């Protein structure tokens, strides 16, 4: 076992078994969920979720409704076991690197008893206002300096740059980094891993497709381990 190990988690469809942004509207406002589907190709995703939250607020979606939807989101018991057991053995630091938002993630982690799991949660900022509206904004302000990623990260965040910045803040270097992800926006940070690092790639989503199509072209160095259900990720974690 590595003496100093970092496990990096994406959140939607990686730690939780759903997409938080879409899930809350599937539970309470499927008409808004349908509009999101229609607008996804033309509106930046974080902006679209913020817009949808405002629409939901106007039709009476309350803070309690959103929190309830988050608390009942599909979340596999094996995932809780996997991360809890690995954390309890010591020597492993956990980082969350997600395009969801701070309120969604913190609400779910608290419900699952995992609020102290992560050293940092790097995501889009969100906060409740006095009226019960969840105000969401991009991590990278569209009016300010933008990231320079050429791999395909969305405008609100470059996960590769965020991973490098975390590593710079938390030196010395980790002996091993394990990245758990599923989406195409996880491809960039995976390219920052070394040959002895590991990506635990969920078999559905954009990440396995990007690895298959572009991994060699972009110089992917790390080991790739595939998983579908959380029980399989638990098996991988038991070997770390």
C-alpha atoms as a PDB file:
ATOM      1  CA  UNK A   1       0.000   0.000   0.000  1.00  0.00           C
ATOM      2  CA  UNK A   2       1.165   3.510  -0.816  1.00  0.00           C
ATOM      3  CA  UNK A   3       2.219   5.485   2.247  1.00  0.00           C
ATOM      4  CA  UNK A   4       0.581   8.651   0.910  1.00  0.00           C
ATOM      5  CA  UNK A   5      -2.315   8.206  -1.490  1.00  0.00           C
ATOM      6  CA  UNK A   6      -4.882  10.543  -3.035  1.00  0.00           C
ATOM      7  CA  UNK A   7      -8.293   9.338  -4.230  1.00  0.00           C
ATOM      8  CA  UNK A   8     -10.080  11.853  -6.475  1.00  0.00           C
ATOM      9  CA  UNK A   9     -13.820  11.493  -7.047  1.00  0.00           C
ATOM     10  CA  UNK A  10     -16.086  12.967  -9.626  1.00  0.00           C
ATOM     11  CA  UNK A  11     -19.574  13.042  -8.059  1.00  0.00           C
ATOM     12  CA  UNK A  12     -22.455  12.549 -10.500  1.00  0.00           C
ATOM     13  CA  UNK A  13     -22.627   8.956 -11.760  1.00  0.00           C
ATOM     14  CA  UNK A  14     -19.295   8.290 -10.001  1.00  0.00           C
ATOM     15  CA  UNK A  15     -20.043   8.621  -6.295  1.00  0.00           C
ATOM     16  CA  UNK A  16     -23.821   9.070  -6.557  1.00  0.00           C
ATOM     17  CA  UNK A  17     -25.761   6.784  -8.900  1.00  0.00           C
ATOM     18  CA  UNK A  18     -27.485   9.682 -10.622  1.00  0.00           C
ATOM     19  CA  UNK A  19     -26.859  13.149 -12.041  1.00  0.00           C
ATOM     20  CA  UNK A  20     -27.764  15.614  -9.287  1.00  0.00           C
ATOM     21  CA  UNK A  21     -28.568  18.492 -11.656  1.00  0.00           C
ATOM     22  CA  UNK A  22     -31.133  16.482 -13.605  1.00  0.00           C
ATOM     23  CA  UNK A  23     -32.416  14.366 -10.735  1.00  0.00           C
ATOM     24  CA  UNK A  24     -34.041  17.130  -8.675  1.00  0.00           C
ATOM     25  CA  UNK A  25     -36.155  18.186 -11.666  1.00  0.00           C
ATOM     26  CA  UNK A  26     -37.048  14.610 -12.551  1.00  0.00           C
ATOM     27  CA  UNK A  27     -38.435  14.291  -9.027  1.00  0.00           C
ATOM     28  CA  UNK A  28     -40.338  17.598  -8.834  1.00  0.00           C
ATOM     29  CA  UNK A  29     -40.537  19.378 -12.219  1.00  0.00           C
ATOM     30  CA  UNK A  30     -40.280  17.045 -15.227  1.00  0.00           C
ATOM     31  CA  UNK A  31     -41.391  19.819 -17.578  1.00  0.00           C
ATOM     32  CA  UNK A  32     -38.304  21.826 -16.581  1.00  0.00           C
ATOM     33  CA  UNK A  33     -36.233  18.668 -16.955  1.00  0.00           C
ATOM     34  CA  UNK A  34     -37.521  18.339 -20.533  1.00  0.00           C
ATOM     35  CA  UNK A  35     -36.595  21.962 -21.297  1.00  0.00           C
ATOM     36  CA  UNK A  36     -33.089  21.312 -20.003  1.00  0.00           C
ATOM     37  CA  UNK A  37     -32.806  18.457 -22.485  1.00  0.00           C
ATOM     38  CA  UNK A  38     -33.907  20.742 -25.296  1.00  0.00           C
ATOM     39  CA  UNK A  39     -31.573  23.616 -24.313  1.00  0.00           C
ATOM     40  CA  UNK A  40     -28.486  21.594 -23.348  1.00  0.00           C
ATOM     41  CA  UNK A  41     -26.791  22.040 -26.711  1.00  0.00           C
ATOM     42  CA  UNK A  42     -27.229  25.828 -26.774  1.00  0.00           C
ATOM     43  CA  UNK A  43     -26.767  27.010 -23.141  1.00  0.00           C
ATOM     44  CA  UNK A  44     -23.683  26.434 -20.968  1.00  0.00           C
ATOM     45  CA  UNK A  45     -24.663  23.679 -18.545  1.00  0.00           C
ATOM     46  CA  UNK A  46     -24.030  25.429 -15.209  1.00  0.00           C
ATOM     47  CA  UNK A  47     -25.898  28.486 -16.472  1.00  0.00           C
ATOM     48  CA  UNK A  48     -28.751  26.237 -17.589  1.00  0.00           C
ATOM     49  CA  UNK A  49     -29.015  24.600 -14.168  1.00  0.00           C
ATOM     50  CA  UNK A  50     -29.039  28.042 -12.513  1.00  0.00           C
ATOM     51  CA  UNK A  51     -31.782  29.161 -14.902  1.00  0.00           C
ATOM     52  CA  UNK A  52     -33.776  25.983 -14.201  1.00  0.00           C
ATOM     53  CA  UNK A  53     -33.471  26.518 -10.448  1.00  0.00           C
ATOM     54  CA  UNK A  54     -34.947  29.991 -10.895  1.00  0.00           C
ATOM     55  CA  UNK A  55     -37.806  28.545 -12.956  1.00  0.00           C
ATOM     56  CA  UNK A  56     -38.435  25.881 -10.331  1.00  0.00           C
ATOM     57  CA  UNK A  57     -38.492  28.504  -7.586  1.00  0.00           C
ATOM     58  CA  UNK A  58     -41.116  30.503  -9.508  1.00  0.00           C
ATOM     59  CA  UNK A  59     -43.457  27.507  -9.743  1.00  0.00           C
ATOM     60  CA  UNK A  60     -43.110  26.696  -6.048  1.00  0.00           C
ATOM     61  CA  UNK A  61     -40.165  24.310  -5.717  1.00  0.00           C
ATOM     62  CA  UNK A  62     -39.027  24.883  -2.135  1.00  0.00           C
ATOM     63  CA  UNK A  63     -35.677  24.402  -0.466  1.00  0.00           C
ATOM     64  CA  UNK A  64     -37.146  21.458   1.448  1.00  0.00           C
ATOM     65  CA  UNK A  65     -38.210  19.841  -1.835  1.00  0.00           C
ATOM     66  CA  UNK A  66     -34.735  20.083  -3.318  1.00  0.00           C
ATOM     67  CA  UNK A  67     -33.095  18.841  -0.131  1.00  0.00           C
ATOM     68  CA  UNK A  68     -35.512  15.895   0.043  1.00  0.00           C
ATOM     69  CA  UNK A  69     -34.782  14.944  -3.580  1.00  0.00           C
ATOM     70  CA  UNK A  70     -31.051  15.024  -2.846  1.00  0.00           C
ATOM     71  CA  UNK A  71     -31.441  12.894   0.275  1.00  0.00           C
ATOM     72  CA  UNK A  72     -33.267  10.140  -1.641  1.00  0.00           C
ATOM     73  CA  UNK A  73     -30.951  10.136  -4.674  1.00  0.00           C
ATOM     74  CA  UNK A  74     -29.762   6.616  -5.630  1.00  0.00           C
ATOM     75  CA  UNK A  75     -26.529   5.979  -3.749  1.00  0.00           C
ATOM     76  CA  UNK A  76     -25.132   2.481  -3.432  1.00  0.00           C
ATOM     77  CA  UNK A  77     -24.369   1.093   0.058  1.00  0.00           C
ATOM     78  CA  UNK A  78     -21.178  -0.454  -1.358  1.00  0.00           C
ATOM     79  CA  UNK A  79     -19.944   3.055  -2.202  1.00  0.00           C
ATOM     80  CA  UNK A  80     -20.311   4.123   1.419  1.00  0.00           C
ATOM     81  CA  UNK A  81     -18.474   0.981   2.552  1.00  0.00           C
ATOM     82  CA  UNK A  82     -15.735   1.379  -0.056  1.00  0.00           C
ATOM     83  CA  UNK A  83     -14.771   4.932   0.868  1.00  0.00           C
ATOM     84  CA  UNK A  84     -15.321   4.504   4.616  1.00  0.00           C
ATOM     85  CA  UNK A  85     -13.156   1.394   4.829  1.00  0.00           C
ATOM     86  CA  UNK A  86     -10.365   2.931   2.762  1.00  0.00           C
ATOM     87  CA  UNK A  87     -10.432   6.122   4.832  1.00  0.00           C
ATOM     88  CA  UNK A  88     -10.342   4.148   8.094  1.00  0.00           C
ATOM     89  CA  UNK A  89      -7.096   2.427   7.069  1.00  0.00           C
ATOM     90  CA  UNK A  90      -5.355   5.800   7.034  1.00  0.00           C
ATOM     91  CA  UNK A  91      -2.803   7.091   4.510  1.00  0.00           C
ATOM     92  CA  UNK A  92      -5.495   8.089   1.967  1.00  0.00           C
ATOM     93  CA  UNK A  93      -6.691  11.644   1.296  1.00  0.00           C
ATOM     94  CA  UNK A  94      -9.948  12.159  -0.606  1.00  0.00           C
ATOM     95  CA  UNK A  95     -10.664  15.016  -3.031  1.00  0.00           C
ATOM     96  CA  UNK A  96     -13.976  15.730  -4.782  1.00  0.00           C
ATOM     97  CA  UNK A  97     -13.698  17.362  -8.217  1.00  0.00           C
ATOM     98  CA  UNK A  98     -17.180  17.894  -9.603  1.00  0.00           C
ATOM     99  CA  UNK A  99     -19.242  19.959 -12.023  1.00  0.00           C
ATOM    100  CA  UNK A 100     -22.250  19.712  -9.688  1.00  0.00           C
ATOM    101  CA  UNK A 101     -22.398  22.330  -6.912  1.00  0.00           C
ATOM    102  CA  UNK A 102     -21.467  22.805  -3.279  1.00  0.00           C
ATOM    103  CA  UNK A 103     -25.015  22.601  -1.881  1.00  0.00           C
ATOM    104  CA  UNK A 104     -26.005  19.454  -3.753  1.00  0.00           C
ATOM    105  CA  UNK A 105     -22.817  17.634  -2.770  1.00  0.00           C
ATOM    106  CA  UNK A 106     -22.743  18.724   0.888  1.00  0.00           C
ATOM    107  CA  UNK A 107     -26.431  17.828   1.377  1.00  0.00           C
ATOM    108  CA  UNK A 108     -25.928  14.304   0.024  1.00  0.00           C
ATOM    109  CA  UNK A 109     -22.671  13.692   1.894  1.00  0.00           C
ATOM    110  CA  UNK A 110     -24.258  14.752   5.181  1.00  0.00           C
ATOM    111  CA  UNK A 111     -27.226  12.449   4.571  1.00  0.00           C
ATOM    112  CA  UNK A 112     -24.842   9.525   3.966  1.00  0.00           C
ATOM    113  CA  UNK A 113     -22.647  10.312   6.982  1.00  0.00           C
ATOM    114  CA  UNK A 114     -19.706  11.231   4.752  1.00  0.00           C
ATOM    115  CA  UNK A 115     -19.459  14.966   5.458  1.00  0.00           C
ATOM    116  CA  UNK A 116     -15.859  14.622   6.697  1.00  0.00           C
ATOM    117  CA  UNK A 117     -14.665  12.351   3.868  1.00  0.00           C
ATOM    118  CA  UNK A 118     -13.119  14.944   1.565  1.00  0.00           C
ATOM    119  CA  UNK A 119     -10.126  17.161   2.231  1.00  0.00           C
ATOM    120  CA  UNK A 120     -11.605  19.597  -0.313  1.00  0.00           C
ATOM    121  CA  UNK A 121     -14.713  19.723  -2.500  1.00  0.00           C
ATOM    122  CA  UNK A 122     -13.884  21.649  -5.666  1.00  0.00           C
ATOM    123  CA  UNK A 123     -17.084  22.476  -7.520  1.00  0.00           C
ATOM    124  CA  UNK A 124     -19.422  25.273  -8.584  1.00  0.00           C
ATOM    125  CA  UNK A 125     -20.458  27.557  -5.685  1.00  0.00           C
ATOM    126  CA  UNK A 126     -24.106  27.705  -4.628  1.00  0.00           C
ATOM    127  CA  UNK A 127     -26.018  29.215  -1.733  1.00  0.00           C
ATOM    128  CA  UNK A 128     -29.601  29.605  -0.550  1.00  0.00           C
ATOM    129  CA  UNK A 129     -31.056  33.097  -0.444  1.00  0.00           C
ATOM    130  CA  UNK A 130     -33.677  34.261   2.035  1.00  0.00           C
ATOM    131  CA  UNK A 131     -36.546  33.322  -0.282  1.00  0.00           C
ATOM    132  CA  UNK A 132     -35.380  29.717  -0.620  1.00  0.00           C
ATOM    133  CA  UNK A 133     -33.889  30.113  -4.092  1.00  0.00           C
ATOM    134  CA  UNK A 134     -30.677  28.172  -4.673  1.00  0.00           C
ATOM    135  CA  UNK A 135     -28.342  30.612  -6.417  1.00  0.00           C
ATOM    136  CA  UNK A 136     -25.739  28.824  -8.502  1.00  0.00           C
ATOM    137  CA  UNK A 137     -22.810  30.234 -10.433  1.00  0.00           C
ATOM    138  CA  UNK A 138     -19.870  28.928 -12.421  1.00  0.00           C
ATOM    139  CA  UNK A 139     -16.623  28.248 -10.567  1.00  0.00           C
ATOM    140  CA  UNK A 140     -14.862  30.300 -13.258  1.00  0.00           C
ATOM    141  CA  UNK A 141     -16.738  33.582 -13.658  1.00  0.00           C
ATOM    142  CA  UNK A 142     -17.633  34.114 -17.344  1.00  0.00           C
ATOM    143  CA  UNK A 143     -16.629  37.777 -16.950  1.00  0.00           C
ATOM    144  CA  UNK A 144     -13.146  36.990 -15.638  1.00  0.00           C
ATOM    145  CA  UNK A 145     -10.042  35.169 -16.902  1.00  0.00           C
ATOM    146  CA  UNK A 146     -10.876  31.811 -18.490  1.00  0.00           C
ATOM    147  CA  UNK A 147      -9.030  28.517 -18.311  1.00  0.00           C
ATOM    148  CA  UNK A 148      -6.837  27.508 -21.237  1.00  0.00           C
ATOM    149  CA  UNK A 149      -7.704  23.804 -21.504  1.00  0.00           C
ATOM    150  CA  UNK A 150      -7.580  22.373 -25.017  1.00  0.00           C
ATOM    151  CA  UNK A 151      -8.735  18.865 -24.071  1.00  0.00           C
ATOM    152  CA  UNK A 152     -12.445  19.638 -23.789  1.00  0.00           C
ATOM    153  CA  UNK A 153     -13.254  20.828 -20.255  1.00  0.00           C
ATOM    154  CA  UNK A 154     -16.425  22.902 -19.932  1.00  0.00           C
ATOM    155  CA  UNK A 155     -16.034  26.684 -19.454  1.00  0.00           C
ATOM    156  CA  UNK A 156     -17.005  26.649 -15.779  1.00  0.00           C
ATOM    157  CA  UNK A 157     -14.000  24.527 -14.695  1.00  0.00           C
ATOM    158  CA  UNK A 158     -10.905  22.743 -15.978  1.00  0.00           C
ATOM    159  CA  UNK A 159     -10.566  19.668 -13.807  1.00  0.00           C
ATOM    160  CA  UNK A 160      -6.953  19.153 -14.878  1.00  0.00           C
ATOM    161  CA  UNK A 161      -5.934  22.635 -13.744  1.00  0.00           C
ATOM    162  CA  UNK A 162      -7.893  22.182 -10.497  1.00  0.00           C
ATOM    163  CA  UNK A 163      -6.143  18.872  -9.789  1.00  0.00           C
ATOM    164  CA  UNK A 164      -2.713  20.422 -10.394  1.00  0.00           C
ATOM    165  CA  UNK A 165      -3.564  23.331  -8.095  1.00  0.00           C
ATOM    166  CA  UNK A 166      -4.697  20.941  -5.339  1.00  0.00           C
ATOM    167  CA  UNK A 167      -1.473  18.944  -5.645  1.00  0.00           C
ATOM    168  CA  UNK A 168       0.553  22.158  -5.398  1.00  0.00           C
ATOM    169  CA  UNK A 169      -1.314  23.127  -2.213  1.00  0.00           C
ATOM    170  CA  UNK A 170      -0.876  19.717  -0.572  1.00  0.00           C
ATOM    171  CA  UNK A 171       2.747  18.717  -1.204  1.00  0.00           C
ATOM    172  CA  UNK A 172       4.857  16.667  -0.993  1.00  0.00           C
ATOM    173  CA  UNK A 173       3.775  14.525  -3.924  1.00  0.00           C
ATOM    174  CA  UNK A 174       1.372  11.643  -3.339  1.00  0.00           C
ATOM    175  CA  UNK A 175       2.916   8.251  -4.035  1.00  0.00           C
ATOM    176  CA  UNK A 176      -0.228   7.202  -5.863  1.00  0.00           C
ATOM    177  CA  UNK A 177      -3.294   8.996  -7.239  1.00  0.00           C
ATOM    178  CA  UNK A 178      -6.520   7.102  -7.953  1.00  0.00           C
ATOM    179  CA  UNK A 179      -9.142   8.953 -10.010  1.00  0.00           C
ATOM    180  CA  UNK A 180     -12.780   7.788 -10.064  1.00  0.00           C
ATOM    181  CA  UNK A 181     -14.867   9.179 -12.904  1.00  0.00           C
ATOM    182  CA  UNK A 182     -17.338   8.493 -15.680  1.00  0.00           C
ATOM    183  CA  UNK A 183     -17.748  11.557 -17.888  1.00  0.00           C
ATOM    184  CA  UNK A 184     -15.871  13.085 -20.792  1.00  0.00           C
ATOM    185  CA  UNK A 185     -14.937  16.030 -18.535  1.00  0.00           C
ATOM    186  CA  UNK A 186     -12.904  13.572 -16.428  1.00  0.00           C
ATOM    187  CA  UNK A 187     -10.580  12.870 -19.361  1.00  0.00           C
ATOM    188  CA  UNK A 188      -8.490  16.026 -18.841  1.00  0.00           C
ATOM    189  CA  UNK A 189      -7.454  15.350 -15.211  1.00  0.00           C
ATOM    190  CA  UNK A 190      -6.799  11.682 -16.019  1.00  0.00           C
ATOM    191  CA  UNK A 191      -4.184  12.868 -18.538  1.00  0.00           C
ATOM    192  CA  UNK A 192      -2.325  14.477 -15.616  1.00  0.00           C
ATOM    193  CA  UNK A 193      -1.789  11.090 -13.913  1.00  0.00           C
ATOM    194  CA  UNK A 194       1.486   9.147 -13.965  1.00  0.00           C
ATOM    195  CA  UNK A 195       2.167   5.581 -15.100  1.00  0.00           C
ATOM    196  CA  UNK A 196       1.749   4.135 -11.590  1.00  0.00           C
ATOM    197  CA  UNK A 197      -1.489   6.057 -10.942  1.00  0.00           C
ATOM    198  CA  UNK A 198      -4.917   4.543 -11.636  1.00  0.00           C
ATOM    199  CA  UNK A 199      -8.144   5.735 -13.218  1.00  0.00           C
ATOM    200  CA  UNK A 200     -11.220   3.805 -12.102  1.00  0.00           C
ATOM    201  CA  UNK A 201     -13.386   4.387 -15.157  1.00  0.00           C
ATOM    202  CA  UNK A 202     -17.113   3.679 -14.996  1.00  0.00           C
ATOM    203  CA  UNK A 203     -18.105   1.687 -18.043  1.00  0.00           C
ATOM    204  CA  UNK A 204     -20.955   3.966 -19.093  1.00  0.00           C
ATOM    205  CA  UNK A 205     -20.576   7.668 -19.840  1.00  0.00           C
ATOM    206  CA  UNK A 206     -18.160   9.681 -21.904  1.00  0.00           C
ATOM    207  CA  UNK A 207     -14.892   8.795 -20.163  1.00  0.00           C
ATOM    208  CA  UNK A 208     -14.451   5.234 -21.502  1.00  0.00           C
ATOM    209  CA  UNK A 209     -15.208   6.538 -24.984  1.00  0.00           C
ATOM    210  CA  UNK A 210     -12.634   9.332 -24.687  1.00  0.00           C
ATOM    211  CA  UNK A 211     -10.017   6.919 -23.363  1.00  0.00           C
ATOM    212  CA  UNK A 212     -10.651   4.512 -26.234  1.00  0.00           C
ATOM    213  CA  UNK A 213     -10.681   7.229 -28.884  1.00  0.00           C
ATOM    214  CA  UNK A 214      -8.129   9.747 -27.632  1.00  0.00           C
ATOM    215  CA  UNK A 215      -6.065   8.141 -24.878  1.00  0.00           C
ATOM    216  CA  UNK A 216      -3.102   7.213 -27.056  1.00  0.00           C
ATOM    217  CA  UNK A 217      -3.250  10.458 -29.026  1.00  0.00           C
ATOM    218  CA  UNK A 218      -3.108  12.589 -25.851  1.00  0.00           C
ATOM    219  CA  UNK A 219      -0.460  10.440 -24.159  1.00  0.00           C
ATOM    220  CA  UNK A 220      -2.515   8.769 -21.423  1.00  0.00           C
ATOM    221  CA  UNK A 221      -0.005   7.185 -19.023  1.00  0.00           C
ATOM    222  CA  UNK A 222      -1.994   5.809 -16.072  1.00  0.00           C
ATOM    223  CA  UNK A 223      -3.421   2.346 -15.496  1.00  0.00           C
ATOM    224  CA  UNK A 224      -7.112   1.963 -16.403  1.00  0.00           C
ATOM    225  CA  UNK A 225      -9.467  -0.164 -14.307  1.00  0.00           C
ATOM    226  CA  UNK A 226     -13.118  -0.443 -15.326  1.00  0.00           C
ATOM    227  CA  UNK A 227     -16.146  -0.786 -13.061  1.00  0.00           C
ATOM    228  CA  UNK A 228     -19.908  -0.675 -13.509  1.00  0.00           C
ATOM    229  CA  UNK A 229     -21.437  -1.170 -10.057  1.00  0.00           C
ATOM    230  CA  UNK A 230     -20.192   0.261  -6.765  1.00  0.00           C
ATOM    231  CA  UNK A 231     -19.502  -3.255  -5.458  1.00  0.00           C
ATOM    232  CA  UNK A 232     -16.843  -3.571  -8.168  1.00  0.00           C
ATOM    233  CA  UNK A 233     -15.239  -0.273  -7.137  1.00  0.00           C
ATOM    234  CA  UNK A 234     -15.280  -1.609  -3.570  1.00  0.00           C
ATOM    235  CA  UNK A 235     -13.265  -4.615  -4.784  1.00  0.00           C
ATOM    236  CA  UNK A 236     -10.690  -2.267  -6.350  1.00  0.00           C
ATOM    237  CA  UNK A 237     -10.493  -0.124  -3.212  1.00  0.00           C
ATOM    238  CA  UNK A 238      -9.920  -3.217  -1.082  1.00  0.00           C
ATOM    239  CA  UNK A 239      -6.646  -3.740  -2.961  1.00  0.00           C
ATOM    240  CA  UNK A 240      -5.335  -0.194  -2.441  1.00  0.00           C
END
